[in-house]
Amino acid sequence: MTERDPERGDGRDPLDEEAAWAEIIAGYGEEPADPPGVWPRAEEIDLTDTVDRALDRALERAGAEPEPPELGPRDWEAAEDEEEDHFVPPEPPPLPQSDMTTKLAWVAVLGGPLLLIGTVLLQRDMTWWIATLGIGGFLGGFATLVARMRDGEDDDWVDPGSGAGGGGWGGVSP
């Protein structure tokens, strides 16, 4: 490797910095010209007019008349609604009837905790009979509802996963 000769330079002419700064300051605020091969700015060309004019000229050469513009999605209007067109759902079936025991069990399950919460919120003394009624009502109602659940041996109950083969084993007999 050889060292560079400081007197010889790097082969370029020295740059006149004062002239370069003067040129930059003189051109301040002006927009430079587009370099070659760059598309013109969108503000300078209205492409819709250019395309429309080119289409009209092509249609004139072909001897056809220009078609009216098609309607867009915002030009659509809904038809007038008639009373017959509205969907009216059928009446819902009545709620199943339950016996008195089930109703009282639900009252006990919901009413027991509500009695205890109401006593605390109203800042009353929690006497032994309020605690017994609240806790006992909840436990008794819950036990009644669990005892009355279906056990799966009812003939009228159909297993939704039994399929066409019947039984819960996919049609295979145990």
N, C-alpha and C. Protein backbone atom coordinates (compact mmCIF):
# COMPACT_ATOMS: atom_id res chain seq x y z
N MET A 1 0.84 -1.17 0.00
CA MET A 1 0.00 0.00 0.00
C MET A 1 0.88 1.23 0.00
N THR A 2 0.41 2.17 -0.68
CA THR A 2 1.16 3.43 -0.74
C THR A 2 0.36 4.50 -0.08
N GLU A 3 1.06 5.41 0.49
CA GLU A 3 0.38 6.54 1.09
C GLU A 3 0.07 7.57 0.02
N ARG A 4 -0.96 8.30 0.25
CA ARG A 4 -1.37 9.31 -0.70
C ARG A 4 -0.45 10.53 -0.54
N ASP A 5 -0.14 11.05 -1.68
CA ASP A 5 0.71 12.24 -1.67
C ASP A 5 -0.16 13.43 -1.37
N PRO A 6 0.06 14.15 -0.27
CA PRO A 6 -0.82 15.26 0.09
C PRO A 6 -0.77 16.38 -0.92
N GLU A 7 0.28 16.54 -1.63
CA GLU A 7 0.35 17.62 -2.62
C GLU A 7 -0.40 17.27 -3.88
N ARG A 8 -0.52 16.00 -4.15
CA ARG A 8 -1.10 15.57 -5.42
C ARG A 8 -2.61 15.69 -5.43
N GLY A 9 -3.31 15.48 -4.31
CA GLY A 9 -4.77 15.59 -4.24
C GLY A 9 -5.42 14.28 -4.68
N ASP A 10 -6.73 14.31 -4.82
CA ASP A 10 -7.44 13.09 -5.21
C ASP A 10 -7.91 13.14 -6.66
N GLY A 11 -7.44 14.08 -7.44
CA GLY A 11 -7.77 14.13 -8.85
C GLY A 11 -8.98 14.99 -9.17
N ARG A 12 -9.67 15.56 -8.19
CA ARG A 12 -10.84 16.41 -8.46
C ARG A 12 -10.43 17.86 -8.30
N ASP A 13 -11.19 18.68 -9.00
CA ASP A 13 -10.95 20.11 -8.86
C ASP A 13 -11.46 20.55 -7.51
N PRO A 14 -10.79 21.52 -6.92
CA PRO A 14 -11.29 21.98 -5.62
C PRO A 14 -12.67 22.62 -5.78
N LEU A 15 -13.50 22.42 -4.79
CA LEU A 15 -14.88 22.90 -4.80
C LEU A 15 -14.92 24.33 -4.27
N ASP A 16 -15.60 25.18 -5.02
CA ASP A 16 -15.76 26.57 -4.58
C ASP A 16 -17.00 26.62 -3.70
N GLU A 17 -16.78 26.61 -2.39
CA GLU A 17 -17.90 26.54 -1.45
C GLU A 17 -18.73 27.80 -1.47
N GLU A 18 -18.11 28.93 -1.65
CA GLU A 18 -18.87 30.19 -1.67
C GLU A 18 -19.85 30.20 -2.84
N ALA A 19 -19.43 29.74 -4.00
CA ALA A 19 -20.31 29.71 -5.18
C ALA A 19 -21.45 28.71 -4.98
N ALA A 20 -21.15 27.54 -4.35
CA ALA A 20 -22.17 26.53 -4.11
C ALA A 20 -23.24 27.06 -3.15
N TRP A 21 -22.81 27.74 -2.07
CA TRP A 21 -23.77 28.30 -1.13
C TRP A 21 -24.59 29.42 -1.78
N ALA A 22 -23.98 30.20 -2.61
CA ALA A 22 -24.71 31.27 -3.29
C ALA A 22 -25.77 30.69 -4.22
N GLU A 23 -25.47 29.57 -4.88
CA GLU A 23 -26.42 28.92 -5.78
C GLU A 23 -27.59 28.34 -4.99
N ILE A 24 -27.30 27.74 -3.84
CA ILE A 24 -28.36 27.16 -3.00
C ILE A 24 -29.28 28.25 -2.49
N ILE A 25 -28.71 29.37 -2.02
CA ILE A 25 -29.52 30.46 -1.49
C ILE A 25 -30.34 31.12 -2.58
N ALA A 26 -29.80 31.24 -3.78
CA ALA A 26 -30.54 31.85 -4.90
C ALA A 26 -31.74 30.98 -5.29
N GLY A 27 -31.62 29.65 -5.16
CA GLY A 27 -32.71 28.76 -5.56
C GLY A 27 -33.63 28.39 -4.42
N TYR A 28 -33.50 29.03 -3.25
CA TYR A 28 -34.32 28.70 -2.11
C TYR A 28 -35.78 29.03 -2.39
N GLY A 29 -36.68 28.09 -2.11
CA GLY A 29 -38.11 28.31 -2.29
C GLY A 29 -38.60 27.83 -3.64
N GLU A 30 -37.75 27.63 -4.60
CA GLU A 30 -38.17 27.14 -5.91
C GLU A 30 -38.20 25.62 -5.87
N GLU A 31 -39.13 25.06 -6.60
CA GLU A 31 -39.22 23.62 -6.64
C GLU A 31 -38.36 23.11 -7.78
N PRO A 32 -37.52 22.11 -7.55
CA PRO A 32 -36.67 21.62 -8.62
C PRO A 32 -37.49 20.94 -9.70
N ALA A 33 -36.95 20.90 -10.90
CA ALA A 33 -37.63 20.24 -12.02
C ALA A 33 -37.61 18.74 -11.79
N ASP A 34 -38.65 18.05 -12.29
CA ASP A 34 -38.71 16.61 -12.16
C ASP A 34 -37.58 15.98 -12.96
N PRO A 35 -36.92 15.00 -12.40
CA PRO A 35 -35.88 14.31 -13.17
C PRO A 35 -36.51 13.52 -14.30
N PRO A 36 -35.77 13.18 -15.33
CA PRO A 36 -36.35 12.44 -16.45
C PRO A 36 -36.81 11.05 -16.00
N GLY A 37 -37.93 10.59 -16.58
CA GLY A 37 -38.47 9.28 -16.25
C GLY A 37 -39.40 9.26 -15.06
N VAL A 38 -39.75 10.42 -14.52
CA VAL A 38 -40.65 10.49 -13.37
C VAL A 38 -42.02 10.92 -13.86
N TRP A 39 -43.06 10.28 -13.32
CA TRP A 39 -44.42 10.64 -13.71
C TRP A 39 -44.75 12.04 -13.20
N PRO A 40 -45.58 12.77 -13.94
CA PRO A 40 -45.99 14.10 -13.47
C PRO A 40 -46.86 13.96 -12.22
N ARG A 41 -46.93 15.02 -11.48
CA ARG A 41 -47.72 15.02 -10.24
C ARG A 41 -49.21 14.90 -10.57
N ALA A 42 -49.96 14.35 -9.60
CA ALA A 42 -51.39 14.12 -9.81
C ALA A 42 -52.14 15.43 -9.95
N GLU A 43 -51.63 16.52 -9.33
CA GLU A 43 -52.33 17.80 -9.43
C GLU A 43 -52.25 18.37 -10.84
N GLU A 44 -51.21 17.98 -11.57
CA GLU A 44 -51.01 18.56 -12.90
C GLU A 44 -51.86 17.89 -13.96
N ILE A 45 -52.29 16.63 -13.75
CA ILE A 45 -53.05 15.90 -14.76
C ILE A 45 -54.33 15.40 -14.13
N ASP A 46 -55.46 15.62 -14.80
CA ASP A 46 -56.74 15.09 -14.37
C ASP A 46 -57.00 13.84 -15.21
N LEU A 47 -56.75 12.68 -14.64
CA LEU A 47 -56.83 11.44 -15.39
C LEU A 47 -58.27 11.11 -15.79
N THR A 48 -59.26 11.50 -15.02
CA THR A 48 -60.63 11.15 -15.36
C THR A 48 -61.06 11.84 -16.64
N ASP A 49 -60.70 13.12 -16.80
CA ASP A 49 -61.04 13.81 -18.04
C ASP A 49 -60.30 13.20 -19.22
N THR A 50 -59.04 12.85 -19.04
CA THR A 50 -58.25 12.27 -20.12
C THR A 50 -58.84 10.94 -20.56
N VAL A 51 -59.22 10.11 -19.61
CA VAL A 51 -59.80 8.80 -19.94
C VAL A 51 -61.16 8.98 -20.60
N ASP A 52 -61.98 9.91 -20.08
CA ASP A 52 -63.30 10.14 -20.68
C ASP A 52 -63.17 10.63 -22.12
N ARG A 53 -62.23 11.55 -22.35
CA ARG A 53 -62.05 12.04 -23.73
C ARG A 53 -61.56 10.93 -24.65
N ALA A 54 -60.65 10.10 -24.19
CA ALA A 54 -60.14 9.01 -25.01
C ALA A 54 -61.25 8.00 -25.30
N LEU A 55 -62.11 7.74 -24.33
CA LEU A 55 -63.23 6.82 -24.54
C LEU A 55 -64.23 7.39 -25.53
N ASP A 56 -64.53 8.68 -25.41
CA ASP A 56 -65.46 9.31 -26.35
C ASP A 56 -64.91 9.26 -27.77
N ARG A 57 -63.61 9.52 -27.94
CA ARG A 57 -63.02 9.48 -29.29
C ARG A 57 -63.07 8.06 -29.85
N ALA A 58 -62.82 7.06 -29.02
CA ALA A 58 -62.87 5.68 -29.50
C ALA A 58 -64.28 5.28 -29.90
N LEU A 59 -65.27 5.75 -29.15
CA LEU A 59 -66.66 5.44 -29.49
C LEU A 59 -67.09 6.16 -30.75
N GLU A 60 -66.61 7.38 -30.96
CA GLU A 60 -66.95 8.11 -32.18
C GLU A 60 -66.37 7.40 -33.39
N ARG A 61 -65.14 6.89 -33.28
CA ARG A 61 -64.54 6.17 -34.41
C ARG A 61 -65.31 4.89 -34.71
N ALA A 62 -65.81 4.23 -33.69
CA ALA A 62 -66.53 2.99 -33.88
C ALA A 62 -67.96 3.24 -34.35
N GLY A 63 -68.45 4.45 -34.27
CA GLY A 63 -69.79 4.78 -34.72
C GLY A 63 -70.85 4.55 -33.67
N ALA A 64 -70.47 4.29 -32.47
CA ALA A 64 -71.44 4.05 -31.40
C ALA A 64 -71.58 5.31 -30.57
N GLU A 65 -72.72 5.42 -29.93
CA GLU A 65 -72.94 6.57 -29.07
C GLU A 65 -72.47 6.23 -27.65
N PRO A 66 -71.95 7.22 -26.94
CA PRO A 66 -71.51 6.93 -25.58
C PRO A 66 -72.69 6.50 -24.71
N GLU A 67 -72.43 5.53 -23.83
CA GLU A 67 -73.47 5.04 -22.93
C GLU A 67 -73.62 5.99 -21.76
N PRO A 68 -74.83 6.10 -21.23
CA PRO A 68 -74.99 6.94 -20.04
C PRO A 68 -74.25 6.30 -18.87
N PRO A 69 -73.84 7.08 -17.93
CA PRO A 69 -73.11 6.52 -16.80
C PRO A 69 -73.99 5.55 -16.02
N GLU A 70 -73.37 4.47 -15.54
CA GLU A 70 -74.11 3.48 -14.76
C GLU A 70 -74.38 4.02 -13.36
N LEU A 71 -75.42 3.50 -12.76
CA LEU A 71 -75.76 3.92 -11.41
C LEU A 71 -74.83 3.23 -10.42
N GLY A 72 -74.37 3.96 -9.46
CA GLY A 72 -73.46 3.41 -8.45
C GLY A 72 -74.22 2.94 -7.23
N PRO A 73 -73.51 2.45 -6.24
CA PRO A 73 -74.18 1.92 -5.04
C PRO A 73 -74.90 2.99 -4.23
N ARG A 74 -74.49 4.23 -4.35
CA ARG A 74 -75.16 5.29 -3.58
C ARG A 74 -76.41 5.80 -4.30
N ASP A 75 -76.60 5.41 -5.56
CA ASP A 75 -77.78 5.84 -6.31
C ASP A 75 -78.97 4.92 -6.10
N TRP A 76 -78.79 3.82 -5.37
CA TRP A 76 -79.85 2.84 -5.17
C TRP A 76 -80.80 3.32 -4.10
N GLU A 77 -82.08 3.09 -4.33
CA GLU A 77 -83.09 3.45 -3.34
C GLU A 77 -83.92 2.21 -3.03
N ALA A 78 -84.28 2.05 -1.78
CA ALA A 78 -85.07 0.90 -1.36
C ALA A 78 -86.51 1.06 -1.82
N ALA A 79 -87.13 -0.07 -2.11
CA ALA A 79 -88.54 -0.04 -2.50
C ALA A 79 -89.38 0.27 -1.26
N GLU A 80 -90.58 0.73 -1.50
CA GLU A 80 -91.48 1.05 -0.39
C GLU A 80 -91.87 -0.24 0.32
N ASP A 81 -91.79 -0.22 1.64
CA ASP A 81 -92.15 -1.39 2.44
C ASP A 81 -93.66 -1.47 2.55
N GLU A 82 -94.15 -2.68 2.39
CA GLU A 82 -95.57 -2.92 2.57
C GLU A 82 -95.76 -3.72 3.85
N GLU A 83 -96.92 -3.63 4.43
CA GLU A 83 -97.20 -4.34 5.67
C GLU A 83 -97.10 -5.85 5.48
N GLU A 84 -97.39 -6.35 4.27
CA GLU A 84 -97.37 -7.79 4.03
C GLU A 84 -95.95 -8.33 3.97
N ASP A 85 -94.97 -7.47 3.70
CA ASP A 85 -93.60 -7.93 3.55
C ASP A 85 -92.90 -8.16 4.88
N HIS A 86 -93.43 -7.66 5.97
CA HIS A 86 -92.76 -7.77 7.26
C HIS A 86 -92.95 -9.18 7.83
N PHE A 87 -91.89 -9.68 8.45
CA PHE A 87 -91.96 -10.99 9.10
C PHE A 87 -92.58 -10.83 10.47
N VAL A 88 -93.58 -11.62 10.72
CA VAL A 88 -94.24 -11.63 12.02
C VAL A 88 -93.99 -13.00 12.63
N PRO A 89 -93.23 -13.07 13.71
CA PRO A 89 -92.92 -14.38 14.29
C PRO A 89 -94.18 -15.00 14.89
N PRO A 90 -94.22 -16.32 14.91
CA PRO A 90 -95.39 -16.97 15.52
C PRO A 90 -95.38 -16.79 17.03
N GLU A 91 -96.53 -16.99 17.62
CA GLU A 91 -96.65 -16.87 19.07
C GLU A 91 -95.77 -17.92 19.74
N PRO A 92 -95.04 -17.55 20.77
CA PRO A 92 -94.20 -18.55 21.44
C PRO A 92 -95.07 -19.55 22.19
N PRO A 93 -94.56 -20.77 22.33
CA PRO A 93 -95.35 -21.76 23.06
C PRO A 93 -95.44 -21.38 24.54
N PRO A 94 -96.47 -21.82 25.21
CA PRO A 94 -96.61 -21.47 26.64
C PRO A 94 -95.50 -22.15 27.45
N LEU A 95 -95.19 -21.54 28.58
CA LEU A 95 -94.18 -22.09 29.47
C LEU A 95 -94.69 -23.40 30.04
N PRO A 96 -93.78 -24.34 30.26
CA PRO A 96 -94.25 -25.62 30.82
C PRO A 96 -94.78 -25.43 32.24
N GLN A 97 -95.79 -26.20 32.53
CA GLN A 97 -96.40 -26.12 33.86
C GLN A 97 -95.55 -26.92 34.84
N SER A 98 -95.30 -26.34 35.99
CA SER A 98 -94.55 -27.06 37.02
C SER A 98 -95.45 -27.24 38.24
N ASP A 99 -95.10 -28.24 39.02
CA ASP A 99 -95.92 -28.51 40.20
C ASP A 99 -95.54 -27.58 41.35
N MET A 100 -96.32 -27.60 42.39
CA MET A 100 -96.14 -26.70 43.52
C MET A 100 -94.83 -26.95 44.26
N THR A 101 -94.38 -28.20 44.31
CA THR A 101 -93.14 -28.53 45.03
C THR A 101 -91.95 -27.85 44.36
N THR A 102 -91.88 -27.88 43.04
CA THR A 102 -90.78 -27.24 42.31
C THR A 102 -90.80 -25.74 42.52
N LYS A 103 -91.98 -25.16 42.49
CA LYS A 103 -92.08 -23.71 42.70
C LYS A 103 -91.60 -23.31 44.09
N LEU A 104 -92.02 -24.05 45.12
CA LEU A 104 -91.59 -23.74 46.48
C LEU A 104 -90.08 -23.96 46.66
N ALA A 105 -89.52 -24.96 45.96
CA ALA A 105 -88.08 -25.20 46.05
C ALA A 105 -87.31 -24.02 45.46
N TRP A 106 -87.78 -23.47 44.35
CA TRP A 106 -87.11 -22.30 43.75
C TRP A 106 -87.26 -21.07 44.65
N VAL A 107 -88.40 -20.91 45.28
CA VAL A 107 -88.58 -19.78 46.21
C VAL A 107 -87.61 -19.90 47.37
N ALA A 108 -87.40 -21.12 47.87
CA ALA A 108 -86.48 -21.32 48.99
C ALA A 108 -85.02 -21.10 48.55
N VAL A 109 -84.65 -21.58 47.36
CA VAL A 109 -83.27 -21.42 46.87
C VAL A 109 -82.95 -19.94 46.65
N LEU A 110 -83.88 -19.18 46.14
CA LEU A 110 -83.62 -17.76 45.87
C LEU A 110 -83.94 -16.89 47.08
N GLY A 111 -84.96 -17.26 47.83
CA GLY A 111 -85.39 -16.42 48.94
C GLY A 111 -84.51 -16.51 50.17
N GLY A 112 -83.87 -17.66 50.41
CA GLY A 112 -83.00 -17.81 51.58
C GLY A 112 -81.84 -16.83 51.56
N PRO A 113 -81.02 -16.80 50.50
CA PRO A 113 -79.93 -15.83 50.45
C PRO A 113 -80.42 -14.38 50.42
N LEU A 114 -81.57 -14.12 49.75
CA LEU A 114 -82.10 -12.76 49.73
C LEU A 114 -82.52 -12.30 51.13
N LEU A 115 -83.04 -13.23 51.95
CA LEU A 115 -83.40 -12.88 53.32
C LEU A 115 -82.16 -12.50 54.11
N LEU A 116 -81.08 -13.24 53.96
CA LEU A 116 -79.84 -12.94 54.68
C LEU A 116 -79.22 -11.62 54.20
N ILE A 117 -79.20 -11.39 52.91
CA ILE A 117 -78.64 -10.14 52.36
C ILE A 117 -79.49 -8.95 52.79
N GLY A 118 -80.82 -9.10 52.76
CA GLY A 118 -81.70 -8.01 53.18
C GLY A 118 -81.52 -7.66 54.65
N THR A 119 -81.30 -8.66 55.49
CA THR A 119 -81.07 -8.41 56.92
C THR A 119 -79.79 -7.62 57.13
N VAL A 120 -78.74 -7.97 56.41
CA VAL A 120 -77.47 -7.26 56.54
C VAL A 120 -77.60 -5.84 56.00
N LEU A 121 -78.24 -5.65 54.85
CA LEU A 121 -78.37 -4.32 54.25
C LEU A 121 -79.23 -3.38 55.09
N LEU A 122 -80.25 -3.94 55.75
CA LEU A 122 -81.12 -3.12 56.59
C LEU A 122 -80.56 -2.96 58.00
N GLN A 123 -79.39 -3.53 58.26
CA GLN A 123 -78.67 -3.41 59.53
C GLN A 123 -79.54 -3.87 60.71
N ARG A 124 -80.19 -5.01 60.52
CA ARG A 124 -80.99 -5.62 61.60
C ARG A 124 -80.15 -6.69 62.28
N ASP A 125 -80.54 -7.06 63.47
CA ASP A 125 -79.85 -8.13 64.18
C ASP A 125 -80.10 -9.45 63.48
N MET A 126 -79.03 -10.24 63.34
CA MET A 126 -79.15 -11.55 62.72
C MET A 126 -79.55 -12.54 63.81
N THR A 127 -80.84 -12.71 64.02
CA THR A 127 -81.32 -13.62 65.06
C THR A 127 -81.19 -15.07 64.57
N TRP A 128 -81.36 -16.00 65.49
CA TRP A 128 -81.17 -17.41 65.14
C TRP A 128 -82.21 -17.89 64.15
N TRP A 129 -83.45 -17.39 64.25
CA TRP A 129 -84.48 -17.86 63.34
C TRP A 129 -84.31 -17.31 61.93
N ILE A 130 -83.73 -16.09 61.75
CA ILE A 130 -83.45 -15.56 60.41
C ILE A 130 -82.34 -16.36 59.76
N ALA A 131 -81.29 -16.67 60.53
CA ALA A 131 -80.19 -17.46 59.99
C ALA A 131 -80.65 -18.87 59.63
N THR A 132 -81.47 -19.48 60.48
CA THR A 132 -81.97 -20.83 60.21
C THR A 132 -82.87 -20.85 58.98
N LEU A 133 -83.75 -19.85 58.88
CA LEU A 133 -84.66 -19.78 57.74
C LEU A 133 -83.89 -19.54 56.43
N GLY A 134 -82.89 -18.64 56.44
CA GLY A 134 -82.13 -18.34 55.23
C GLY A 134 -81.26 -19.50 54.78
N ILE A 135 -80.46 -20.03 55.69
CA ILE A 135 -79.55 -21.13 55.33
C ILE A 135 -80.33 -22.42 55.09
N GLY A 136 -81.26 -22.71 55.98
CA GLY A 136 -82.07 -23.92 55.82
C GLY A 136 -82.93 -23.89 54.57
N GLY A 137 -83.51 -22.74 54.27
CA GLY A 137 -84.32 -22.63 53.06
C GLY A 137 -83.50 -22.88 51.80
N PHE A 138 -82.30 -22.29 51.76
CA PHE A 138 -81.45 -22.50 50.59
C PHE A 138 -81.06 -23.97 50.45
N LEU A 139 -80.57 -24.58 51.54
CA LEU A 139 -80.12 -25.97 51.46
C LEU A 139 -81.29 -26.92 51.17
N GLY A 140 -82.43 -26.70 51.79
CA GLY A 140 -83.59 -27.56 51.55
C GLY A 140 -84.12 -27.44 50.13
N GLY A 141 -84.21 -26.21 49.62
CA GLY A 141 -84.68 -26.02 48.24
C GLY A 141 -83.72 -26.62 47.23
N PHE A 142 -82.42 -26.46 47.48
CA PHE A 142 -81.42 -27.01 46.57
C PHE A 142 -81.49 -28.54 46.57
N ALA A 143 -81.61 -29.13 47.75
CA ALA A 143 -81.70 -30.60 47.84
C ALA A 143 -82.96 -31.10 47.15
N THR A 144 -84.07 -30.39 47.27
CA THR A 144 -85.31 -30.79 46.62
C THR A 144 -85.16 -30.75 45.10
N LEU A 145 -84.55 -29.68 44.57
CA LEU A 145 -84.39 -29.58 43.12
C LEU A 145 -83.46 -30.66 42.59
N VAL A 146 -82.39 -30.97 43.31
CA VAL A 146 -81.46 -32.01 42.86
C VAL A 146 -82.13 -33.37 42.90
N ALA A 147 -82.92 -33.63 43.95
CA ALA A 147 -83.58 -34.94 44.07
C ALA A 147 -84.62 -35.14 42.98
N ARG A 148 -85.22 -34.09 42.49
CA ARG A 148 -86.27 -34.22 41.48
C ARG A 148 -85.74 -34.17 40.05
N MET A 149 -84.42 -34.10 39.89
CA MET A 149 -83.84 -34.10 38.54
C MET A 149 -84.09 -35.44 37.87
N ARG A 150 -84.03 -35.45 36.55
CA ARG A 150 -84.20 -36.70 35.81
C ARG A 150 -82.98 -37.58 36.04
N ASP A 151 -83.23 -38.86 36.09
CA ASP A 151 -82.13 -39.78 36.32
C ASP A 151 -81.64 -40.43 35.03
N GLY A 152 -82.23 -40.13 33.89
CA GLY A 152 -81.77 -40.67 32.61
C GLY A 152 -82.45 -41.98 32.24
N GLU A 153 -83.29 -42.53 33.10
CA GLU A 153 -83.97 -43.79 32.80
C GLU A 153 -85.39 -43.57 32.33
N ASP A 154 -85.78 -42.33 32.12
CA ASP A 154 -87.14 -42.06 31.66
C ASP A 154 -87.28 -42.50 30.21
N ASP A 155 -88.46 -43.04 29.87
CA ASP A 155 -88.69 -43.51 28.50
C ASP A 155 -88.96 -42.37 27.54
N ASP A 156 -89.46 -41.24 28.02
CA ASP A 156 -89.81 -40.14 27.13
C ASP A 156 -88.60 -39.24 26.81
N TRP A 157 -87.51 -39.44 27.50
CA TRP A 157 -86.33 -38.60 27.27
C TRP A 157 -85.46 -39.23 26.20
N VAL A 158 -85.03 -38.43 25.18
CA VAL A 158 -84.22 -38.93 24.07
C VAL A 158 -82.83 -38.33 24.19
N ASP A 159 -81.81 -39.19 24.14
CA ASP A 159 -80.42 -38.74 24.18
C ASP A 159 -80.08 -38.11 22.83
N PRO A 160 -79.69 -36.81 22.79
CA PRO A 160 -79.42 -36.18 21.49
C PRO A 160 -78.21 -36.77 20.79
N GLY A 161 -77.30 -37.44 21.48
CA GLY A 161 -76.12 -38.01 20.85
C GLY A 161 -76.28 -39.46 20.48
N SER A 162 -77.50 -39.99 20.59
CA SER A 162 -77.66 -41.42 20.34
C SER A 162 -77.63 -41.76 18.86
N GLY A 163 -77.98 -40.85 17.97
CA GLY A 163 -77.93 -41.12 16.54
C GLY A 163 -79.00 -42.09 16.11
N ALA A 164 -78.83 -42.68 14.90
CA ALA A 164 -79.82 -43.59 14.35
C ALA A 164 -79.75 -44.96 14.98
N GLY A 165 -78.59 -45.33 15.54
CA GLY A 165 -78.42 -46.66 16.08
C GLY A 165 -79.03 -46.82 17.46
N GLY A 166 -79.36 -45.74 18.12
CA GLY A 166 -79.93 -45.82 19.44
C GLY A 166 -78.86 -46.11 20.47
N GLY A 167 -79.13 -45.78 21.71
CA GLY A 167 -78.15 -46.00 22.77
C GLY A 167 -77.05 -44.99 22.73
N GLY A 168 -76.31 -44.89 23.80
CA GLY A 168 -75.23 -43.91 23.90
C GLY A 168 -73.89 -44.42 23.40
N TRP A 169 -73.85 -45.66 22.87
CA TRP A 169 -72.56 -46.25 22.46
C TRP A 169 -72.38 -46.20 20.96
N GLY A 170 -73.08 -45.30 20.24
CA GLY A 170 -72.92 -45.20 18.80
C GLY A 170 -73.50 -46.39 18.05
N GLY A 171 -74.56 -46.99 18.61
CA GLY A 171 -75.21 -48.11 17.93
C GLY A 171 -74.67 -49.46 18.36
N VAL A 172 -73.66 -49.50 19.19
CA VAL A 172 -73.07 -50.76 19.63
C VAL A 172 -73.73 -51.14 20.95
N SER A 173 -74.22 -52.35 21.03
CA SER A 173 -74.83 -52.81 22.27
C SER A 173 -73.76 -53.17 23.27
N PRO A 174 -73.95 -52.85 24.55
CA PRO A 174 -72.94 -53.18 25.57
C PRO A 174 -72.91 -54.64 25.90
